[in-house]
């Protein structure tokens, strides 16, 4: 049986505090990062602490659906 050729997939990480607060009035958008993950080692959704330029602090960025 053949294995899947694409083990590493591209994912998008989005700021959870911007989405939850509906974005502050002075900010212009939602912070997003693009990265890759290994599907076999990390089957669950990825969450990383990254800097959000709209919140002006480090917040948790979670994986979103494409």
N, C-alpha and C. Protein backbone atom coordinates (compact mmCIF):
# COMPACT_ATOMS: atom_id res chain seq x y z
N UNK A 1 0.84 -1.17 0.00
CA UNK A 1 0.00 0.00 0.00
C UNK A 1 0.89 1.24 0.00
N UNK A 2 0.59 2.19 -0.85
CA UNK A 2 1.40 3.41 -0.98
C UNK A 2 1.07 4.39 0.13
N UNK A 3 2.12 5.07 0.61
CA UNK A 3 1.93 6.09 1.64
C UNK A 3 1.69 7.44 0.97
N UNK A 4 1.10 8.36 1.73
CA UNK A 4 0.84 9.70 1.21
C UNK A 4 2.16 10.41 0.92
N UNK A 5 2.23 11.09 -0.21
CA UNK A 5 3.45 11.77 -0.61
C UNK A 5 3.68 13.03 0.20
N UNK A 6 2.61 13.70 0.61
CA UNK A 6 2.71 14.99 1.28
C UNK A 6 2.49 14.85 2.78
N UNK A 7 3.58 14.65 3.52
CA UNK A 7 3.49 14.52 4.97
C UNK A 7 3.44 15.91 5.59
N UNK A 8 4.25 16.84 5.06
CA UNK A 8 4.27 18.21 5.57
C UNK A 8 3.21 19.03 4.84
N UNK A 9 2.37 19.71 5.62
CA UNK A 9 1.32 20.54 5.04
C UNK A 9 1.49 21.99 5.50
N UNK A 10 1.07 22.93 4.66
CA UNK A 10 1.12 24.34 4.99
C UNK A 10 -0.13 24.69 5.78
N UNK A 11 0.06 25.42 6.89
CA UNK A 11 -1.07 25.81 7.74
C UNK A 11 -1.02 27.32 7.98
N UNK A 12 -2.14 27.88 8.41
CA UNK A 12 -2.23 29.30 8.74
C UNK A 12 -2.54 29.42 10.23
N UNK A 13 -1.75 30.25 10.93
CA UNK A 13 -1.97 30.52 12.35
C UNK A 13 -2.59 31.90 12.48
N UNK A 14 -3.67 32.00 13.25
CA UNK A 14 -4.39 33.26 13.41
C UNK A 14 -4.46 33.63 14.88
N UNK A 15 -4.33 34.92 15.17
CA UNK A 15 -4.36 35.42 16.55
C UNK A 15 -5.73 35.13 17.18
N UNK A 16 -5.74 34.46 18.32
CA UNK A 16 -7.01 34.11 18.96
C UNK A 16 -7.62 35.29 19.70
N UNK A 17 -6.81 36.20 20.23
CA UNK A 17 -7.37 37.32 20.98
C UNK A 17 -8.00 38.35 20.04
N UNK A 18 -7.45 38.54 18.84
CA UNK A 18 -8.06 39.45 17.86
C UNK A 18 -9.42 38.93 17.41
N UNK A 19 -9.50 37.62 17.18
CA UNK A 19 -10.75 37.01 16.73
C UNK A 19 -11.78 37.07 17.85
N UNK A 20 -11.36 36.80 19.08
CA UNK A 20 -12.27 36.78 20.21
C UNK A 20 -12.82 38.18 20.51
N UNK A 21 -11.95 39.22 20.44
CA UNK A 21 -12.36 40.58 20.77
C UNK A 21 -13.00 41.29 19.59
N UNK A 22 -13.03 40.68 18.43
CA UNK A 22 -13.62 41.33 17.27
C UNK A 22 -12.74 42.45 16.74
N UNK A 23 -11.48 42.44 17.02
CA UNK A 23 -10.46 43.41 16.60
C UNK A 23 -10.76 44.78 17.19
N UNK A 24 -9.71 45.35 17.81
CA UNK A 24 -9.84 46.68 18.42
C UNK A 24 -10.22 47.71 17.37
N UNK A 25 -10.81 48.81 17.79
CA UNK A 25 -11.27 49.83 16.85
C UNK A 25 -10.10 50.49 16.12
N UNK A 26 -8.96 50.67 16.78
CA UNK A 26 -7.83 51.33 16.14
C UNK A 26 -7.01 50.39 15.25
N UNK A 27 -7.18 49.09 15.38
CA UNK A 27 -6.42 48.16 14.56
C UNK A 27 -7.11 47.95 13.21
N UNK A 28 -6.32 47.48 12.24
CA UNK A 28 -6.85 47.36 10.88
C UNK A 28 -7.11 45.93 10.43
N UNK A 29 -6.74 44.94 11.24
CA UNK A 29 -6.94 43.56 10.79
C UNK A 29 -6.65 42.53 11.84
N UNK A 30 -6.41 41.31 11.38
CA UNK A 30 -6.11 40.17 12.24
C UNK A 30 -4.74 39.63 11.86
N UNK A 31 -3.92 39.34 12.87
CA UNK A 31 -2.57 38.84 12.64
C UNK A 31 -2.62 37.39 12.19
N UNK A 32 -1.91 37.08 11.09
CA UNK A 32 -1.84 35.70 10.59
C UNK A 32 -0.41 35.36 10.22
N UNK A 33 -0.01 34.13 10.50
CA UNK A 33 1.30 33.60 10.14
C UNK A 33 1.10 32.35 9.30
N UNK A 34 2.01 32.09 8.36
CA UNK A 34 1.98 30.88 7.55
C UNK A 34 3.19 30.03 7.93
N UNK A 35 2.96 28.74 8.20
CA UNK A 35 4.03 27.82 8.58
C UNK A 35 3.68 26.42 8.09
N UNK A 36 4.53 25.46 8.41
CA UNK A 36 4.29 24.07 8.03
C UNK A 36 4.31 23.18 9.25
N UNK A 37 3.61 22.04 9.13
CA UNK A 37 3.66 21.05 10.20
C UNK A 37 3.66 19.66 9.59
N UNK A 38 4.17 18.70 10.35
CA UNK A 38 4.20 17.31 9.95
C UNK A 38 2.89 16.66 10.40
N UNK A 39 2.12 16.16 9.45
CA UNK A 39 0.81 15.57 9.77
C UNK A 39 0.91 14.33 10.64
N UNK A 40 1.97 13.54 10.49
CA UNK A 40 2.10 12.30 11.25
C UNK A 40 2.50 12.56 12.70
N UNK A 41 3.39 13.53 12.93
CA UNK A 41 3.84 13.82 14.29
C UNK A 41 2.87 14.70 15.07
N UNK A 42 2.11 15.56 14.39
CA UNK A 42 1.22 16.52 15.05
C UNK A 42 -0.15 16.49 14.37
N UNK A 43 -0.96 15.45 14.66
CA UNK A 43 -2.27 15.36 14.00
C UNK A 43 -3.29 16.38 14.53
N UNK A 44 -3.09 16.87 15.75
CA UNK A 44 -4.04 17.84 16.31
C UNK A 44 -3.71 19.24 15.82
N UNK A 45 -4.58 20.20 16.17
CA UNK A 45 -4.37 21.59 15.76
C UNK A 45 -3.21 22.21 16.52
N UNK A 46 -2.41 22.99 15.81
CA UNK A 46 -1.20 23.59 16.36
C UNK A 46 -1.52 24.95 16.98
N UNK A 47 -0.93 25.25 18.14
CA UNK A 47 -1.05 26.56 18.78
C UNK A 47 0.34 27.01 19.21
N UNK A 48 0.74 28.21 18.77
CA UNK A 48 2.04 28.77 19.09
C UNK A 48 1.86 30.18 19.63
N UNK A 49 2.79 30.60 20.47
CA UNK A 49 2.77 31.96 20.99
C UNK A 49 3.60 32.84 20.07
N UNK A 50 2.95 33.78 19.37
CA UNK A 50 3.61 34.65 18.41
C UNK A 50 3.25 36.10 18.71
N UNK A 51 4.00 37.04 18.10
CA UNK A 51 3.73 38.45 18.30
C UNK A 51 2.62 38.91 17.38
N UNK A 52 1.64 39.61 17.94
CA UNK A 52 0.54 40.17 17.16
C UNK A 52 0.75 41.68 17.05
N UNK A 53 0.97 42.20 15.84
CA UNK A 53 1.20 43.64 15.69
C UNK A 53 -0.05 44.48 15.96
N UNK A 54 -1.23 43.87 15.93
CA UNK A 54 -2.47 44.61 16.18
C UNK A 54 -2.77 44.70 17.67
N UNK A 55 -2.40 43.68 18.43
CA UNK A 55 -2.58 43.69 19.89
C UNK A 55 -1.37 44.29 20.60
N UNK A 56 -0.24 44.40 19.90
CA UNK A 56 1.03 44.90 20.44
C UNK A 56 1.55 44.05 21.60
N UNK A 57 1.37 42.72 21.50
CA UNK A 57 1.90 41.82 22.52
C UNK A 57 1.95 40.40 21.95
N UNK A 58 2.61 39.50 22.69
CA UNK A 58 2.67 38.09 22.30
C UNK A 58 1.37 37.41 22.72
N UNK A 59 0.70 36.77 21.78
CA UNK A 59 -0.56 36.08 22.06
C UNK A 59 -0.51 34.68 21.44
N UNK A 60 -1.48 33.88 21.77
CA UNK A 60 -1.57 32.52 21.23
C UNK A 60 -2.19 32.60 19.83
N UNK A 61 -1.51 32.01 18.87
CA UNK A 61 -2.01 31.92 17.50
C UNK A 61 -2.37 30.47 17.24
N UNK A 62 -3.60 30.23 16.84
CA UNK A 62 -4.08 28.86 16.61
C UNK A 62 -4.26 28.58 15.14
N UNK A 63 -4.20 27.31 14.80
CA UNK A 63 -4.36 26.86 13.41
C UNK A 63 -5.81 27.05 12.98
N UNK A 64 -6.00 27.57 11.77
CA UNK A 64 -7.35 27.74 11.24
C UNK A 64 -7.51 26.88 10.00
N UNK A 65 -8.76 26.68 9.59
CA UNK A 65 -9.06 25.91 8.40
C UNK A 65 -8.87 26.80 7.18
N UNK A 66 -8.38 26.21 6.10
CA UNK A 66 -8.16 26.98 4.87
C UNK A 66 -9.46 27.22 4.15
